Amino acid sequence: MKKNNFNWFRFIICVVFVLFLNGCVSVSNSPNPRFYTLYTPDKEKPNQEFNIPDNTIIGIGPLRIPEYLNRPQIVTNNKDKTVIFDEFNRWAESLDFALARLINNNLTLMLKDASFQMFPWDFAIAVKYQVIADVIQLENNLNQDLLFAIQWSIIDLEKKRAVFTKRSEFRQDIYPHNYYGFTQALSEATLSLSKEIAQELVSVTKPPQTN
């Protein structure tokens, strides 16, 4: 009886050991995740400057994204309208912050006489205008192109009202046809959006003409 118990115990130990080894092999064979961020390549940096009154303080954000995009995994679309959450291709930062940060960086280069604050800013800072945005659509098939649609507004914080609102839509080729190409396409679309915002900030901050 004791011998049978010992054999059974030895069998259990062998099974556990084999499962442990399989687990180790499985983990070691798993691909390492890649992390991406949004940025404008040097050759695409904004080369156009806009005139704006000196020391105008502009706040950027909040920028909101659909809930299904609010995750570390990069989301892509299939032809059948289903989505893929890729466990091994991820954002290095939350996508809503990445988009707002890139808009802020682009506008800093375009509107050199203004100063910018990222949301949330210190209440003691006298922010004059606030740019808020909602991503309506962000669809991409890595083998085709990117569709980026966003609703954005400029708020006059002194008057406590929106002085400009627009829905912008951009289509951008994805090349190369991979996750790197996708992040570049989204960065370029965000640059185009930033130019539109810069133009309207110039317009709303322009001093009224006097006769």
C-alpha atoms as a PDB file:
ATOM      1  CA  MET A   1       0.000   0.000   0.000  1.00  0.00           C
ATOM      2  CA  LYS A   2       2.820   2.374   0.934  1.00  0.00           C
ATOM      3  CA  LYS A   3       4.614   1.558  -2.281  1.00  0.00           C
ATOM      4  CA  ASN A   4       1.496   2.396  -4.311  1.00  0.00           C
ATOM      5  CA  ASN A   5       1.118   5.711  -2.501  1.00  0.00           C
ATOM      6  CA  PHE A   6       4.754   6.537  -3.195  1.00  0.00           C
ATOM      7  CA  ASN A   7       4.385   5.740  -6.894  1.00  0.00           C
ATOM      8  CA  TRP A   8       1.256   7.880  -7.107  1.00  0.00           C
ATOM      9  CA  PHE A   9       3.019  10.760  -5.378  1.00  0.00           C
ATOM     10  CA  ARG A  10       5.978  10.443  -7.724  1.00  0.00           C
ATOM     11  CA  PHE A  11       3.604  10.502 -10.719  1.00  0.00           C
ATOM     12  CA  ILE A  12       1.973  13.703  -9.473  1.00  0.00           C
ATOM     13  CA  ILE A  13       5.378  15.341  -9.008  1.00  0.00           C
ATOM     14  CA  CYS A  14       6.381  14.392 -12.565  1.00  0.00           C
ATOM     15  CA  VAL A  15       3.154  15.819 -14.011  1.00  0.00           C
ATOM     16  CA  VAL A  16       3.593  19.109 -12.141  1.00  0.00           C
ATOM     17  CA  PHE A  17       7.216  19.344 -13.255  1.00  0.00           C
ATOM     18  CA  VAL A  18       6.303  18.759 -16.911  1.00  0.00           C
ATOM     19  CA  LEU A  19       3.565  21.398 -16.762  1.00  0.00           C
ATOM     20  CA  PHE A  20       5.990  23.841 -15.180  1.00  0.00           C
ATOM     21  CA  LEU A  21       8.550  23.263 -17.937  1.00  0.00           C
ATOM     22  CA  ASN A  22       5.885  23.726 -20.625  1.00  0.00           C
ATOM     23  CA  GLY A  23       4.870  26.981 -19.014  1.00  0.00           C
ATOM     24  CA  CYS A  24       8.440  28.226 -18.984  1.00  0.00           C
ATOM     25  CA  VAL A  25       8.924  27.296 -22.630  1.00  0.00           C
ATOM     26  CA  SER A  26       5.639  28.973 -23.564  1.00  0.00           C
ATOM     27  CA  VAL A  27       6.589  32.202 -21.807  1.00  0.00           C
ATOM     28  CA  SER A  28      10.105  32.241 -23.264  1.00  0.00           C
ATOM     29  CA  ASN A  29       8.750  31.719 -26.794  1.00  0.00           C
ATOM     30  CA  SER A  30       6.191  34.550 -26.520  1.00  0.00           C
ATOM     31  CA  PRO A  31       7.150  37.592 -28.616  1.00  0.00           C
ATOM     32  CA  ASN A  32       8.113  40.730 -26.763  1.00  0.00           C
ATOM     33  CA  PRO A  33       5.553  43.550 -27.142  1.00  0.00           C
ATOM     34  CA  ARG A  34       6.483  46.626 -29.163  1.00  0.00           C
ATOM     35  CA  PHE A  35       5.561  50.079 -27.938  1.00  0.00           C
ATOM     36  CA  TYR A  36       4.736  53.045 -30.185  1.00  0.00           C
ATOM     37  CA  THR A  37       4.232  56.751 -29.680  1.00  0.00           C
ATOM     38  CA  LEU A  38       3.040  59.601 -31.877  1.00  0.00           C
ATOM     39  CA  TYR A  39       5.549  62.146 -33.115  1.00  0.00           C
ATOM     40  CA  THR A  40       6.167  64.216 -36.195  1.00  0.00           C
ATOM     41  CA  PRO A  41       9.229  63.115 -38.216  1.00  0.00           C
ATOM     42  CA  ASP A  42      11.820  65.836 -38.750  1.00  0.00           C
ATOM     43  CA  LYS A  43      11.043  66.089 -42.455  1.00  0.00           C
ATOM     44  CA  GLU A  44       7.356  66.709 -41.639  1.00  0.00           C
ATOM     45  CA  LYS A  45       7.818  69.233 -38.846  1.00  0.00           C
ATOM     46  CA  PRO A  46       5.543  72.254 -39.172  1.00  0.00           C
ATOM     47  CA  ASN A  47       7.313  74.703 -41.485  1.00  0.00           C
ATOM     48  CA  GLN A  48       4.621  77.366 -41.339  1.00  0.00           C
ATOM     49  CA  GLU A  49       4.406  79.961 -38.576  1.00  0.00           C
ATOM     50  CA  PHE A  50       1.280  81.964 -37.743  1.00  0.00           C
ATOM     51  CA  ASN A  51       1.139  85.383 -36.145  1.00  0.00           C
ATOM     52  CA  ILE A  52      -0.727  85.644 -32.860  1.00  0.00           C
ATOM     53  CA  PRO A  53      -0.754  88.321 -30.116  1.00  0.00           C
ATOM     54  CA  ASP A  54       2.252  87.999 -27.805  1.00  0.00           C
ATOM     55  CA  ASN A  55       1.845  86.044 -24.576  1.00  0.00           C
ATOM     56  CA  THR A  56      -1.546  84.611 -25.456  1.00  0.00           C
ATOM     57  CA  ILE A  57      -1.979  81.596 -23.178  1.00  0.00           C
ATOM     58  CA  ILE A  58      -3.770  78.660 -24.766  1.00  0.00           C
ATOM     59  CA  GLY A  59      -4.850  75.462 -23.029  1.00  0.00           C
ATOM     60  CA  ILE A  60      -4.901  72.167 -24.902  1.00  0.00           C
ATOM     61  CA  GLY A  61      -7.389  69.522 -23.804  1.00  0.00           C
ATOM     62  CA  PRO A  62      -9.171  67.589 -22.693  1.00  0.00           C
ATOM     63  CA  LEU A  63      -9.176  65.387 -25.786  1.00  0.00           C
ATOM     64  CA  ARG A  64     -11.557  62.441 -25.551  1.00  0.00           C
ATOM     65  CA  ILE A  65     -11.492  59.193 -27.498  1.00  0.00           C
ATOM     66  CA  PRO A  66     -14.082  56.400 -27.903  1.00  0.00           C
ATOM     67  CA  GLU A  67     -13.965  53.892 -25.071  1.00  0.00           C
ATOM     68  CA  TYR A  68     -12.906  50.986 -27.276  1.00  0.00           C
ATOM     69  CA  LEU A  69      -9.723  52.919 -28.139  1.00  0.00           C
ATOM     70  CA  ASN A  70      -8.995  53.662 -24.505  1.00  0.00           C
ATOM     71  CA  ARG A  71      -6.607  50.747 -23.966  1.00  0.00           C
ATOM     72  CA  PRO A  72      -2.885  50.015 -24.266  1.00  0.00           C
ATOM     73  CA  GLN A  73      -3.337  47.720 -27.288  1.00  0.00           C
ATOM     74  CA  ILE A  74      -3.319  49.344 -30.731  1.00  0.00           C
ATOM     75  CA  VAL A  75      -6.714  48.836 -32.352  1.00  0.00           C
ATOM     76  CA  THR A  76      -7.065  48.037 -36.052  1.00  0.00           C
ATOM     77  CA  ASN A  77     -10.067  47.261 -38.231  1.00  0.00           C
ATOM     78  CA  ASN A  78     -10.954  44.264 -40.374  1.00  0.00           C
ATOM     79  CA  LYS A  79     -12.875  44.453 -43.633  1.00  0.00           C
ATOM     80  CA  ASP A  80     -15.874  42.843 -41.920  1.00  0.00           C
ATOM     81  CA  LYS A  81     -16.054  45.804 -39.473  1.00  0.00           C
ATOM     82  CA  THR A  82     -14.650  43.798 -36.555  1.00  0.00           C
ATOM     83  CA  VAL A  83     -11.695  45.138 -34.582  1.00  0.00           C
ATOM     84  CA  ILE A  84      -8.388  43.647 -33.466  1.00  0.00           C
ATOM     85  CA  PHE A  85      -6.747  44.437 -30.130  1.00  0.00           C
ATOM     86  CA  ASP A  86      -3.094  43.575 -30.652  1.00  0.00           C
ATOM     87  CA  GLU A  87      -1.425  42.355 -27.471  1.00  0.00           C
ATOM     88  CA  PHE A  88       2.073  42.719 -28.897  1.00  0.00           C
ATOM     89  CA  ASN A  89       1.759  46.185 -30.503  1.00  0.00           C
ATOM     90  CA  ARG A  90       0.900  48.757 -27.871  1.00  0.00           C
ATOM     91  CA  TRP A  91       0.860  52.476 -27.161  1.00  0.00           C
ATOM     92  CA  ALA A  92       3.691  53.736 -24.976  1.00  0.00           C
ATOM     93  CA  GLU A  93       1.232  56.228 -23.444  1.00  0.00           C
ATOM     94  CA  SER A  94      -2.535  56.581 -23.391  1.00  0.00           C
ATOM     95  CA  LEU A  95      -3.812  57.520 -26.849  1.00  0.00           C
ATOM     96  CA  ASP A  96      -5.874  60.501 -25.687  1.00  0.00           C
ATOM     97  CA  PHE A  97      -2.824  62.033 -24.018  1.00  0.00           C
ATOM     98  CA  ALA A  98      -0.595  61.193 -27.001  1.00  0.00           C
ATOM     99  CA  LEU A  99      -2.898  63.054 -29.414  1.00  0.00           C
ATOM    100  CA  ALA A 100      -3.215  66.081 -27.128  1.00  0.00           C
ATOM    101  CA  ARG A 101       0.551  66.145 -26.560  1.00  0.00           C
ATOM    102  CA  LEU A 102       1.283  66.064 -30.292  1.00  0.00           C
ATOM    103  CA  ILE A 103      -1.215  68.869 -30.993  1.00  0.00           C
ATOM    104  CA  ASN A 104       0.410  70.893 -28.212  1.00  0.00           C
ATOM    105  CA  ASN A 105       3.896  70.306 -29.627  1.00  0.00           C
ATOM    106  CA  ASN A 106       2.829  71.190 -33.170  1.00  0.00           C
ATOM    107  CA  LEU A 107       1.086  74.387 -32.090  1.00  0.00           C
ATOM    108  CA  THR A 108       4.112  75.416 -30.046  1.00  0.00           C
ATOM    109  CA  LEU A 109       6.158  75.330 -33.260  1.00  0.00           C
ATOM    110  CA  MET A 110       3.508  77.121 -35.333  1.00  0.00           C
ATOM    111  CA  LEU A 111       2.477  79.815 -32.834  1.00  0.00           C
ATOM    112  CA  LYS A 112       5.805  80.862 -31.354  1.00  0.00           C
ATOM    113  CA  ASP A 113       4.452  84.041 -29.716  1.00  0.00           C
ATOM    114  CA  ALA A 114       1.843  82.132 -27.699  1.00  0.00           C
ATOM    115  CA  SER A 115       2.370  79.894 -24.695  1.00  0.00           C
ATOM    116  CA  PHE A 116       0.599  76.597 -24.119  1.00  0.00           C
ATOM    117  CA  GLN A 117      -0.640  74.587 -21.184  1.00  0.00           C
ATOM    118  CA  MET A 118      -1.717  70.953 -21.194  1.00  0.00           C
ATOM    119  CA  PHE A 119      -4.969  70.047 -19.467  1.00  0.00           C
ATOM    120  CA  PRO A 120      -5.311  70.019 -16.503  1.00  0.00           C
ATOM    121  CA  TRP A 121      -3.358  73.193 -15.804  1.00  0.00           C
ATOM    122  CA  ASP A 122      -2.855  75.167 -12.612  1.00  0.00           C
ATOM    123  CA  PHE A 123      -5.917  77.331 -11.901  1.00  0.00           C
ATOM    124  CA  ALA A 124      -3.583  80.263 -11.177  1.00  0.00           C
ATOM    125  CA  ILE A 125      -2.487  80.355 -14.837  1.00  0.00           C
ATOM    126  CA  ALA A 126      -4.536  82.868 -16.847  1.00  0.00           C
ATOM    127  CA  VAL A 127      -5.437  80.660 -19.806  1.00  0.00           C
ATOM    128  CA  LYS A 128      -7.289  82.761 -22.378  1.00  0.00           C
ATOM    129  CA  TYR A 129      -8.402  80.131 -24.887  1.00  0.00           C
ATOM    130  CA  GLN A 130      -8.976  76.412 -24.533  1.00  0.00           C
ATOM    131  CA  VAL A 131      -8.960  73.831 -27.343  1.00  0.00           C
ATOM    132  CA  ILE A 132     -11.123  70.785 -26.622  1.00  0.00           C
ATOM    133  CA  ALA A 133     -11.735  67.832 -28.929  1.00  0.00           C
ATOM    134  CA  ASP A 134     -13.606  64.546 -29.312  1.00  0.00           C
ATOM    135  CA  VAL A 135     -12.345  61.844 -31.646  1.00  0.00           C
ATOM    136  CA  ILE A 136     -15.398  60.665 -33.586  1.00  0.00           C
ATOM    137  CA  GLN A 137     -13.748  58.073 -35.799  1.00  0.00           C
ATOM    138  CA  LEU A 138     -10.372  56.418 -35.949  1.00  0.00           C
ATOM    139  CA  GLU A 139     -10.467  53.571 -38.434  1.00  0.00           C
ATOM    140  CA  ASN A 140      -7.543  51.883 -40.066  1.00  0.00           C
ATOM    141  CA  ASN A 141      -6.825  48.791 -42.050  1.00  0.00           C
ATOM    142  CA  LEU A 142      -3.074  48.321 -42.161  1.00  0.00           C
ATOM    143  CA  ASN A 143      -3.283  47.354 -45.834  1.00  0.00           C
ATOM    144  CA  GLN A 144      -5.231  50.476 -46.848  1.00  0.00           C
ATOM    145  CA  ASP A 145      -5.536  53.890 -45.269  1.00  0.00           C
ATOM    146  CA  LEU A 146      -6.438  55.780 -42.126  1.00  0.00           C
ATOM    147  CA  LEU A 147      -9.685  57.655 -41.441  1.00  0.00           C
ATOM    148  CA  PHE A 148      -9.403  60.206 -38.645  1.00  0.00           C
ATOM    149  CA  ALA A 149     -12.473  62.330 -37.803  1.00  0.00           C
ATOM    150  CA  ILE A 150     -12.518  64.723 -34.877  1.00  0.00           C
ATOM    151  CA  GLN A 151     -14.881  67.381 -33.508  1.00  0.00           C
ATOM    152  CA  TRP A 152     -13.044  70.293 -31.921  1.00  0.00           C
ATOM    153  CA  SER A 153     -13.824  73.687 -30.426  1.00  0.00           C
ATOM    154  CA  ILE A 154     -12.044  76.810 -29.254  1.00  0.00           C
ATOM    155  CA  ILE A 155     -13.399  78.157 -25.964  1.00  0.00           C
ATOM    156  CA  ASP A 156     -12.950  81.761 -24.849  1.00  0.00           C
ATOM    157  CA  LEU A 157     -12.546  81.205 -21.108  1.00  0.00           C
ATOM    158  CA  GLU A 158     -13.094  84.861 -20.221  1.00  0.00           C
ATOM    159  CA  LYS A 159     -16.409  84.970 -22.072  1.00  0.00           C
ATOM    160  CA  LYS A 160     -17.153  81.341 -21.155  1.00  0.00           C
ATOM    161  CA  ARG A 161     -18.379  80.383 -24.603  1.00  0.00           C
ATOM    162  CA  ALA A 162     -17.257  78.563 -27.706  1.00  0.00           C
ATOM    163  CA  VAL A 163     -15.985  80.963 -30.367  1.00  0.00           C
ATOM    164  CA  PHE A 164     -15.354  78.281 -32.995  1.00  0.00           C
ATOM    165  CA  THR A 165     -16.442  74.686 -33.587  1.00  0.00           C
ATOM    166  CA  LYS A 166     -15.606  72.361 -36.457  1.00  0.00           C
ATOM    167  CA  ARG A 167     -15.659  68.721 -37.515  1.00  0.00           C
ATOM    168  CA  SER A 168     -12.438  67.819 -39.336  1.00  0.00           C
ATOM    169  CA  GLU A 169     -11.838  64.631 -41.285  1.00  0.00           C
ATOM    170  CA  PHE A 170      -8.565  63.325 -42.663  1.00  0.00           C
ATOM    171  CA  ARG A 171      -7.618  60.323 -44.803  1.00  0.00           C
ATOM    172  CA  GLN A 172      -4.010  59.287 -44.797  1.00  0.00           C
ATOM    173  CA  ASP A 173      -2.152  56.512 -46.599  1.00  0.00           C
ATOM    174  CA  ILE A 174      -0.593  53.927 -44.299  1.00  0.00           C
ATOM    175  CA  TYR A 175       2.916  53.117 -45.482  1.00  0.00           C
ATOM    176  CA  PRO A 176       4.619  50.867 -44.736  1.00  0.00           C
ATOM    177  CA  HIS A 177       1.628  48.586 -44.139  1.00  0.00           C
ATOM    178  CA  ASN A 178       2.377  47.843 -40.511  1.00  0.00           C
ATOM    179  CA  TYR A 179       1.948  49.369 -37.064  1.00  0.00           C
ATOM    180  CA  TYR A 180       4.843  51.762 -37.576  1.00  0.00           C
ATOM    181  CA  GLY A 181       3.185  52.995 -40.766  1.00  0.00           C
ATOM    182  CA  PHE A 182      -0.083  53.432 -38.897  1.00  0.00           C
ATOM    183  CA  THR A 183       1.493  55.567 -36.160  1.00  0.00           C
ATOM    184  CA  GLN A 184       3.161  57.720 -38.815  1.00  0.00           C
ATOM    185  CA  ALA A 185      -0.123  58.163 -40.688  1.00  0.00           C
ATOM    186  CA  LEU A 186      -1.906  59.195 -37.493  1.00  0.00           C
ATOM    187  CA  SER A 187       0.928  61.608 -36.660  1.00  0.00           C
ATOM    188  CA  GLU A 188       0.630  63.210 -40.111  1.00  0.00           C
ATOM    189  CA  ALA A 189      -3.160  63.492 -39.806  1.00  0.00           C
ATOM    190  CA  THR A 190      -2.684  65.147 -36.410  1.00  0.00           C
ATOM    191  CA  LEU A 191      -0.254  67.608 -37.990  1.00  0.00           C
ATOM    192  CA  SER A 192      -2.921  68.570 -40.553  1.00  0.00           C
ATOM    193  CA  LEU A 193      -5.416  69.018 -37.717  1.00  0.00           C
ATOM    194  CA  SER A 194      -2.921  71.180 -35.825  1.00  0.00           C
ATOM    195  CA  LYS A 195      -2.597  73.514 -38.835  1.00  0.00           C
ATOM    196  CA  GLU A 196      -6.374  73.989 -38.930  1.00  0.00           C
ATOM    197  CA  ILE A 197      -6.433  74.766 -35.210  1.00  0.00           C
ATOM    198  CA  ALA A 198      -3.547  77.218 -35.560  1.00  0.00           C
ATOM    199  CA  GLN A 199      -5.305  79.109 -38.354  1.00  0.00           C
ATOM    200  CA  GLU A 200      -8.485  79.464 -36.305  1.00  0.00           C
ATOM    201  CA  LEU A 201      -6.602  80.522 -33.170  1.00  0.00           C
ATOM    202  CA  VAL A 202      -5.044  83.308 -35.225  1.00  0.00           C
ATOM    203  CA  SER A 203      -8.501  84.315 -36.428  1.00  0.00           C
ATOM    204  CA  VAL A 204     -10.213  84.394 -33.021  1.00  0.00           C
ATOM    205  CA  THR A 205      -7.317  86.240 -31.349  1.00  0.00           C
ATOM    206  CA  LYS A 206      -7.022  88.877 -34.057  1.00  0.00           C
ATOM    207  CA  PRO A 207      -7.651  92.361 -32.578  1.00  0.00           C
ATOM    208  CA  PRO A 208     -10.797  94.019 -33.972  1.00  0.00           C
ATOM    209  CA  GLN A 209     -10.126  96.515 -36.722  1.00  0.00           C
ATOM    210  CA  THR A 210     -10.793 100.152 -35.912  1.00  0.00           C
ATOM    211  CA  ASN A 211     -11.940 102.736 -38.409  1.00  0.00           C
END
